[in-house]
PDB file of all heavy atoms in Angstrom:
ATOM      1  N   PRO A   1     -22.989  19.721   9.458  1.00  0.00           N
ATOM      2  CA  PRO A   1     -23.307  18.418   8.868  1.00  0.00           C
ATOM      3  C   PRO A   1     -22.033  17.668   8.483  1.00  0.00           C
ATOM      4  O   PRO A   1     -21.069  18.256   8.011  1.00  0.00           O
ATOM      5  CB  PRO A   1     -24.139  18.758   7.634  1.00  0.00           C
ATOM      6  CG  PRO A   1     -23.804  20.175   7.330  1.00  0.00           C
ATOM      7  CD  PRO A   1     -23.420  20.822   8.629  1.00  0.00           C
ATOM      8  N   VAL A   2     -22.058  16.377   8.732  1.00  0.00           N
ATOM      9  CA  VAL A   2     -20.937  15.523   8.368  1.00  0.00           C
ATOM     10  C   VAL A   2     -21.065  15.230   6.876  1.00  0.00           C
ATOM     11  O   VAL A   2     -22.137  14.839   6.410  1.00  0.00           O
ATOM     12  CB  VAL A   2     -20.980  14.202   9.171  1.00  0.00           C
ATOM     13  CG1 VAL A   2     -19.864  13.277   8.753  1.00  0.00           C
ATOM     14  CG2 VAL A   2     -20.928  14.501  10.657  1.00  0.00           C
ATOM     15  N   PRO A   3     -20.014  15.439   6.095  1.00  0.00           N
ATOM     16  CA  PRO A   3     -20.124  15.199   4.657  1.00  0.00           C
ATOM     17  C   PRO A   3     -20.351  13.717   4.365  1.00  0.00           C
ATOM     18  O   PRO A   3     -19.812  12.854   5.051  1.00  0.00           O
ATOM     19  CB  PRO A   3     -18.773  15.658   4.104  1.00  0.00           C
ATOM     20  CG  PRO A   3     -17.861  15.720   5.273  1.00  0.00           C
ATOM     21  CD  PRO A   3     -18.706  15.895   6.489  1.00  0.00           C
ATOM     22  N   GLU A   4     -21.202  13.478   3.373  1.00  0.00           N
ATOM     23  CA  GLU A   4     -21.464  12.096   2.978  1.00  0.00           C
ATOM     24  C   GLU A   4     -20.214  11.525   2.320  1.00  0.00           C
ATOM     25  O   GLU A   4     -19.470  12.221   1.656  1.00  0.00           O
ATOM     26  CB  GLU A   4     -22.612  12.050   1.964  1.00  0.00           C
ATOM     27  CG  GLU A   4     -23.955  12.376   2.553  1.00  0.00           C
ATOM     28  CD  GLU A   4     -25.051  12.192   1.523  1.00  0.00           C
ATOM     29  OE1 GLU A   4     -25.063  11.144   0.843  1.00  0.00           O
ATOM     30  OE2 GLU A   4     -25.868  13.111   1.404  1.00  0.00           O
ATOM     31  N   ARG A   5     -20.024  10.226   2.534  1.00  0.00           N
ATOM     32  CA  ARG A   5     -18.855   9.579   1.944  1.00  0.00           C
ATOM     33  C   ARG A   5     -19.330   8.399   1.107  1.00  0.00           C
ATOM     34  O   ARG A   5     -20.258   7.696   1.473  1.00  0.00           O
ATOM     35  CB  ARG A   5     -17.881   9.136   3.019  1.00  0.00           C
ATOM     36  CG  ARG A   5     -17.339  10.341   3.797  1.00  0.00           C
ATOM     37  CD  ARG A   5     -16.205  10.018   4.710  1.00  0.00           C
ATOM     38  NE  ARG A   5     -14.975   9.586   4.100  1.00  0.00           N
ATOM     39  CZ  ARG A   5     -14.081  10.361   3.486  1.00  0.00           C
ATOM     40  NH1 ARG A   5     -14.320  11.636   3.363  1.00  0.00           N
ATOM     41  NH2 ARG A   5     -12.972   9.880   2.995  1.00  0.00           N
ATOM     42  N   LEU A   6     -18.678   8.213  -0.015  1.00  0.00           N
ATOM     43  CA  LEU A   6     -18.994   7.126  -0.913  1.00  0.00           C
ATOM     44  C   LEU A   6     -17.680   6.569  -1.432  1.00  0.00           C
ATOM     45  O   LEU A   6     -16.876   7.308  -2.001  1.00  0.00           O
ATOM     46  CB  LEU A   6     -19.862   7.640  -2.075  1.00  0.00           C
ATOM     47  CG  LEU A   6     -20.296   6.629  -3.108  1.00  0.00           C
ATOM     48  CD1 LEU A   6     -21.239   5.603  -2.483  1.00  0.00           C
ATOM     49  CD2 LEU A   6     -21.001   7.326  -4.264  1.00  0.00           C
ATOM     50  N   ASN A   7     -17.429   5.310  -1.200  1.00  0.00           N
ATOM     51  CA  ASN A   7     -16.188   4.667  -1.631  1.00  0.00           C
ATOM     52  C   ASN A   7     -14.949   5.403  -1.130  1.00  0.00           C
ATOM     53  O   ASN A   7     -13.984   5.589  -1.859  1.00  0.00           O
ATOM     54  CB  ASN A   7     -16.134   4.555  -3.158  1.00  0.00           C
ATOM     55  CG  ASN A   7     -17.239   3.672  -3.697  1.00  0.00           C
ATOM     56  OD1 ASN A   7     -17.663   2.731  -3.022  1.00  0.00           O
ATOM     57  ND2 ASN A   7     -17.722   3.966  -4.883  1.00  0.00           N
ATOM     58  N   GLY A   8     -14.999   5.861   0.112  1.00  0.00           N
ATOM     59  CA  GLY A   8     -13.821   6.483   0.704  1.00  0.00           C
ATOM     60  C   GLY A   8     -13.600   7.934   0.324  1.00  0.00           C
ATOM     61  O   GLY A   8     -12.649   8.545   0.763  1.00  0.00           O
ATOM     62  N   ARG A   9     -14.451   8.480  -0.533  1.00  0.00           N
ATOM     63  CA  ARG A   9     -14.305   9.886  -0.934  1.00  0.00           C
ATOM     64  C   ARG A   9     -15.535  10.656  -0.490  1.00  0.00           C
ATOM     65  O   ARG A   9     -16.629  10.119  -0.429  1.00  0.00           O
ATOM     66  CB  ARG A   9     -14.191   9.999  -2.449  1.00  0.00           C
ATOM     67  CG  ARG A   9     -12.893   9.521  -3.011  1.00  0.00           C
ATOM     68  CD  ARG A   9     -12.773   9.958  -4.455  1.00  0.00           C
ATOM     69  NE  ARG A   9     -14.072   9.972  -5.116  1.00  0.00           N
ATOM     70  CZ  ARG A   9     -14.401   9.258  -6.162  1.00  0.00           C
ATOM     71  NH1 ARG A   9     -13.524   8.474  -6.706  1.00  0.00           N
ATOM     72  NH2 ARG A   9     -15.582   9.340  -6.696  1.00  0.00           N
ATOM     73  N   THR A  10     -15.338  11.941  -0.229  1.00  0.00           N
ATOM     74  CA  THR A  10     -16.457  12.798   0.101  1.00  0.00           C
ATOM     75  C   THR A  10     -17.298  12.985  -1.151  1.00  0.00           C
ATOM     76  O   THR A  10     -16.762  13.211  -2.238  1.00  0.00           O
ATOM     77  CB  THR A  10     -15.951  14.167   0.596  1.00  0.00           C
ATOM     78  OG1 THR A  10     -15.116  13.946   1.730  1.00  0.00           O
ATOM     79  CG2 THR A  10     -17.090  15.084   0.972  1.00  0.00           C
ATOM     80  N   VAL A  11     -18.606  12.863  -1.004  1.00  0.00           N
ATOM     81  CA  VAL A  11     -19.502  13.040  -2.139  1.00  0.00           C
ATOM     82  C   VAL A  11     -19.321  14.458  -2.659  1.00  0.00           C
ATOM     83  O   VAL A  11     -19.295  15.423  -1.905  1.00  0.00           O
ATOM     84  CB  VAL A  11     -20.968  12.791  -1.728  1.00  0.00           C
ATOM     85  CG1 VAL A  11     -21.915  13.148  -2.858  1.00  0.00           C
ATOM     86  CG2 VAL A  11     -21.147  11.349  -1.307  1.00  0.00           C
ATOM     87  N   GLY A  12     -19.169  14.585  -3.969  1.00  0.00           N
ATOM     88  CA  GLY A  12     -18.957  15.886  -4.572  1.00  0.00           C
ATOM     89  C   GLY A  12     -17.492  16.228  -4.730  1.00  0.00           C
ATOM     90  O   GLY A  12     -17.144  17.199  -5.374  1.00  0.00           O
ATOM     91  N   GLU A  13     -16.629  15.426  -4.127  1.00  0.00           N
ATOM     92  CA  GLU A  13     -15.189  15.666  -4.240  1.00  0.00           C
ATOM     93  C   GLU A  13     -14.753  15.291  -5.654  1.00  0.00           C
ATOM     94  O   GLU A  13     -15.107  14.239  -6.168  1.00  0.00           O
ATOM     95  CB  GLU A  13     -14.458  14.796  -3.216  1.00  0.00           C
ATOM     96  CG  GLU A  13     -12.968  14.894  -3.224  1.00  0.00           C
ATOM     97  CD  GLU A  13     -12.340  13.947  -2.197  1.00  0.00           C
ATOM     98  OE1 GLU A  13     -13.047  13.382  -1.369  1.00  0.00           O
ATOM     99  OE2 GLU A  13     -11.122  13.784  -2.277  1.00  0.00           O
ATOM    100  N   GLU A  14     -14.025  16.172  -6.271  1.00  0.00           N
ATOM    101  CA  GLU A  14     -13.601  15.913  -7.640  1.00  0.00           C
ATOM    102  C   GLU A  14     -12.426  14.951  -7.652  1.00  0.00           C
ATOM    103  O   GLU A  14     -11.555  14.990  -6.792  1.00  0.00           O
ATOM    104  CB  GLU A  14     -13.188  17.214  -8.326  1.00  0.00           C
ATOM    105  CG  GLU A  14     -14.345  18.159  -8.521  1.00  0.00           C
ATOM    106  CD  GLU A  14     -13.936  19.381  -9.304  1.00  0.00           C
ATOM    107  OE1 GLU A  14     -12.961  19.290 -10.090  1.00  0.00           O
ATOM    108  OE2 GLU A  14     -14.586  20.403  -9.128  1.00  0.00           O
ATOM    109  N   MET A  15     -12.446  14.079  -8.636  1.00  0.00           N
ATOM    110  CA  MET A  15     -11.325  13.155  -8.808  1.00  0.00           C
ATOM    111  C   MET A  15     -10.262  13.837  -9.645  1.00  0.00           C
ATOM    112  O   MET A  15     -10.553  14.669 -10.499  1.00  0.00           O
ATOM    113  CB  MET A  15     -11.784  11.882  -9.529  1.00  0.00           C
ATOM    114  CG  MET A  15     -12.668  11.004  -8.688  1.00  0.00           C
ATOM    115  SD  MET A  15     -13.129   9.490  -9.541  1.00  0.00           S
ATOM    116  CE  MET A  15     -11.570   8.792  -9.965  1.00  0.00           C
ATOM    117  N   ALA A  16      -9.027  13.490  -9.382  1.00  0.00           N
ATOM    118  CA  ALA A  16      -7.934  14.003 -10.208  1.00  0.00           C
ATOM    119  C   ALA A  16      -8.084  13.417 -11.604  1.00  0.00           C
ATOM    120  O   ALA A  16      -8.511  12.286 -11.783  1.00  0.00           O
ATOM    121  CB  ALA A  16      -6.600  13.605  -9.602  1.00  0.00           C
ATOM    122  N   GLU A  17      -7.761  14.213 -12.592  1.00  0.00           N
ATOM    123  CA  GLU A  17      -7.865  13.759 -13.976  1.00  0.00           C
ATOM    124  C   GLU A  17      -6.634  12.925 -14.343  1.00  0.00           C
ATOM    125  O   GLU A  17      -5.510  13.406 -14.260  1.00  0.00           O
ATOM    126  CB  GLU A  17      -7.970  14.968 -14.917  1.00  0.00           C
ATOM    127  CG  GLU A  17      -9.255  15.752 -14.748  1.00  0.00           C
ATOM    128  CD  GLU A  17     -10.467  14.974 -15.224  1.00  0.00           C
ATOM    129  OE1 GLU A  17     -10.364  14.206 -16.212  1.00  0.00           O
ATOM    130  OE2 GLU A  17     -11.528  15.126 -14.579  1.00  0.00           O
ATOM    131  N   TYR A  18      -6.870  11.701 -14.694  1.00  0.00           N
ATOM    132  CA  TYR A  18      -5.797  10.809 -15.143  1.00  0.00           C
ATOM    133  C   TYR A  18      -6.164  10.323 -16.530  1.00  0.00           C
ATOM    134  O   TYR A  18      -7.321  10.056 -16.825  1.00  0.00           O
ATOM    135  CB  TYR A  18      -5.636   9.600 -14.220  1.00  0.00           C
ATOM    136  CG  TYR A  18      -5.127   9.953 -12.851  1.00  0.00           C
ATOM    137  CD1 TYR A  18      -5.989  10.046 -11.769  1.00  0.00           C
ATOM    138  CD2 TYR A  18      -3.776  10.204 -12.650  1.00  0.00           C
ATOM    139  CE1 TYR A  18      -5.518  10.379 -10.512  1.00  0.00           C
ATOM    140  CE2 TYR A  18      -3.299  10.536 -11.393  1.00  0.00           C
ATOM    141  CZ  TYR A  18      -4.178  10.618 -10.327  1.00  0.00           C
ATOM    142  OH  TYR A  18      -3.698  10.940  -9.095  1.00  0.00           O
ATOM    143  N   GLU A  19      -5.164  10.219 -17.346  1.00  0.00           N
ATOM    144  CA  GLU A  19      -5.390   9.729 -18.696  1.00  0.00           C
ATOM    145  C   GLU A  19      -4.968   8.267 -18.739  1.00  0.00           C
ATOM    146  O   GLU A  19      -3.864   7.906 -18.344  1.00  0.00           O
ATOM    147  CB  GLU A  19      -4.563  10.532 -19.701  1.00  0.00           C
ATOM    148  CG  GLU A  19      -4.739  10.059 -21.121  1.00  0.00           C
ATOM    149  CD  GLU A  19      -3.868  10.836 -22.095  1.00  0.00           C
ATOM    150  OE1 GLU A  19      -3.320  11.875 -21.690  1.00  0.00           O
ATOM    151  OE2 GLU A  19      -3.745  10.384 -23.241  1.00  0.00           O
ATOM    152  N   TYR A  20      -5.874   7.417 -19.210  1.00  0.00           N
ATOM    153  CA  TYR A  20      -5.572   5.996 -19.322  1.00  0.00           C
ATOM    154  C   TYR A  20      -4.872   5.759 -20.642  1.00  0.00           C
ATOM    155  O   TYR A  20      -5.347   6.154 -21.704  1.00  0.00           O
ATOM    156  CB  TYR A  20      -6.851   5.160 -19.246  1.00  0.00           C
ATOM    157  CG  TYR A  20      -6.595   3.699 -19.488  1.00  0.00           C
ATOM    158  CD1 TYR A  20      -5.974   2.913 -18.531  1.00  0.00           C
ATOM    159  CD2 TYR A  20      -6.972   3.101 -20.677  1.00  0.00           C
ATOM    160  CE1 TYR A  20      -5.733   1.580 -18.744  1.00  0.00           C
ATOM    161  CE2 TYR A  20      -6.734   1.759 -20.914  1.00  0.00           C
ATOM    162  CZ  TYR A  20      -6.112   1.010 -19.936  1.00  0.00           C
ATOM    163  OH  TYR A  20      -5.869  -0.322 -20.162  1.00  0.00           O
ATOM    164  N   VAL A  21      -3.714   5.140 -20.565  1.00  0.00           N
ATOM    165  CA  VAL A  21      -2.960   4.816 -21.776  1.00  0.00           C
ATOM    166  C   VAL A  21      -2.803   3.303 -21.816  1.00  0.00           C
ATOM    167  O   VAL A  21      -2.129   2.720 -20.972  1.00  0.00           O
ATOM    168  CB  VAL A  21      -1.563   5.481 -21.769  1.00  0.00           C
ATOM    169  CG1 VAL A  21      -0.789   5.112 -23.027  1.00  0.00           C
ATOM    170  CG2 VAL A  21      -1.696   6.981 -21.614  1.00  0.00           C
ATOM    171  N   PRO A  22      -3.458   2.661 -22.801  1.00  0.00           N
ATOM    172  CA  PRO A  22      -3.312   1.202 -22.899  1.00  0.00           C
ATOM    173  C   PRO A  22      -1.852   0.837 -23.153  1.00  0.00           C
ATOM    174  O   PRO A  22      -1.095   1.597 -23.750  1.00  0.00           O
ATOM    175  CB  PRO A  22      -4.185   0.823 -24.091  1.00  0.00           C
ATOM    176  CG  PRO A  22      -4.989   2.024 -24.429  1.00  0.00           C
ATOM    177  CD  PRO A  22      -4.321   3.199 -23.822  1.00  0.00           C
ATOM    178  N   GLU A  23      -1.460  -0.345 -22.702  1.00  0.00           N
ATOM    179  CA  GLU A  23      -0.060  -0.760 -22.830  1.00  0.00           C
ATOM    180  C   GLU A  23       0.382  -0.836 -24.278  1.00  0.00           C
ATOM    181  O   GLU A  23       1.530  -0.585 -24.601  1.00  0.00           O
ATOM    182  CB  GLU A  23       0.148  -2.106 -22.144  1.00  0.00           C
ATOM    183  CG  GLU A  23       0.113  -2.014 -20.647  1.00  0.00           C
ATOM    184  CD  GLU A  23       0.463  -3.324 -19.983  1.00  0.00           C
ATOM    185  OE1 GLU A  23       1.308  -4.062 -20.506  1.00  0.00           O
ATOM    186  OE2 GLU A  23      -0.124  -3.588 -18.929  1.00  0.00           O
ATOM    187  N   ASP A  24      -0.509  -1.186 -25.190  1.00  0.00           N
ATOM    188  CA  ASP A  24      -0.141  -1.282 -26.600  1.00  0.00           C
ATOM    189  C   ASP A  24       0.275   0.068 -27.154  1.00  0.00           C
ATOM    190  O   ASP A  24       1.155   0.154 -28.005  1.00  0.00           O
ATOM    191  CB  ASP A  24      -1.318  -1.806 -27.433  1.00  0.00           C
ATOM    192  CG  ASP A  24      -1.716  -3.213 -27.017  1.00  0.00           C
ATOM    193  OD1 ASP A  24      -0.906  -3.889 -26.349  1.00  0.00           O
ATOM    194  OD2 ASP A  24      -2.840  -3.636 -27.358  1.00  0.00           O
ATOM    195  N   ASP A  25      -0.348   1.144 -26.686  1.00  0.00           N
ATOM    196  CA  ASP A  25      -0.071   2.478 -27.200  1.00  0.00           C
ATOM    197  C   ASP A  25       1.063   3.177 -26.459  1.00  0.00           C
ATOM    198  O   ASP A  25       1.526   4.221 -26.883  1.00  0.00           O
ATOM    199  CB  ASP A  25      -1.318   3.360 -27.103  1.00  0.00           C
ATOM    200  CG  ASP A  25      -2.449   2.830 -27.987  1.00  0.00           C
ATOM    201  OD1 ASP A  25      -2.156   2.048 -28.912  1.00  0.00           O
ATOM    202  OD2 ASP A  25      -3.613   3.212 -27.742  1.00  0.00           O
ATOM    203  N   ALA A  26       1.490   2.611 -25.370  1.00  0.00           N
ATOM    204  CA  ALA A  26       2.521   3.274 -24.570  1.00  0.00           C
ATOM    205  C   ALA A  26       3.855   3.209 -25.284  1.00  0.00           C
ATOM    206  O   ALA A  26       4.228   2.193 -25.853  1.00  0.00           O
ATOM    207  CB  ALA A  26       2.628   2.609 -23.200  1.00  0.00           C
ATOM    208  N   GLU A  27       4.550   4.343 -25.268  1.00  0.00           N
ATOM    209  CA  GLU A  27       5.863   4.380 -25.888  1.00  0.00           C
ATOM    210  C   GLU A  27       6.889   3.831 -24.906  1.00  0.00           C
ATOM    211  O   GLU A  27       6.880   4.191 -23.736  1.00  0.00           O
ATOM    212  CB  GLU A  27       6.226   5.812 -26.264  1.00  0.00           C
ATOM    213  CG  GLU A  27       5.302   6.397 -27.293  1.00  0.00           C
ATOM    214  CD  GLU A  27       5.659   7.831 -27.627  1.00  0.00           C
ATOM    215  OE1 GLU A  27       6.798   8.241 -27.349  1.00  0.00           O
ATOM    216  OE2 GLU A  27       4.800   8.534 -28.142  1.00  0.00           O
ATOM    217  N   PRO A  28       7.783   2.976 -25.367  1.00  0.00           N
ATOM    218  CA  PRO A  28       8.788   2.453 -24.455  1.00  0.00           C
ATOM    219  C   PRO A  28       9.773   3.550 -24.071  1.00  0.00           C
ATOM    220  O   PRO A  28      10.159   4.370 -24.882  1.00  0.00           O
ATOM    221  CB  PRO A  28       9.488   1.338 -25.247  1.00  0.00           C
ATOM    222  CG  PRO A  28       9.168   1.630 -26.664  1.00  0.00           C
ATOM    223  CD  PRO A  28       7.895   2.421 -26.709  1.00  0.00           C
ATOM    224  N   ALA A  29      10.148   3.528 -22.819  1.00  0.00           N
ATOM    225  CA  ALA A  29      11.133   4.482 -22.345  1.00  0.00           C
ATOM    226  C   ALA A  29      12.515   4.052 -22.846  1.00  0.00           C
ATOM    227  O   ALA A  29      12.781   2.857 -23.015  1.00  0.00           O
ATOM    228  CB  ALA A  29      11.111   4.548 -20.829  1.00  0.00           C
ATOM    229  N   ASP A  30      13.390   5.023 -23.081  1.00  0.00           N
ATOM    230  CA  ASP A  30      14.723   4.710 -23.586  1.00  0.00           C
ATOM    231  C   ASP A  30      15.516   3.848 -22.640  1.00  0.00           C
ATOM    232  O   ASP A  30      16.345   3.043 -23.038  1.00  0.00           O
ATOM    233  CB  ASP A  30      15.506   6.000 -23.888  1.00  0.00           C
ATOM    234  CG  ASP A  30      14.857   6.750 -25.056  1.00  0.00           C
ATOM    235  OD1 ASP A  30      14.194   6.115 -25.886  1.00  0.00           O
ATOM    236  OD2 ASP A  30      15.047   7.988 -25.110  1.00  0.00           O
TER     237      ASP A  30
END
């Protein structure tokens, strides 16, 4: 069976975990 695809990803494929950091909370780099 051909795997189902949704939005360019295989259905059931796990997304990489990314943490969203709003710009206000981001620490400026030195």
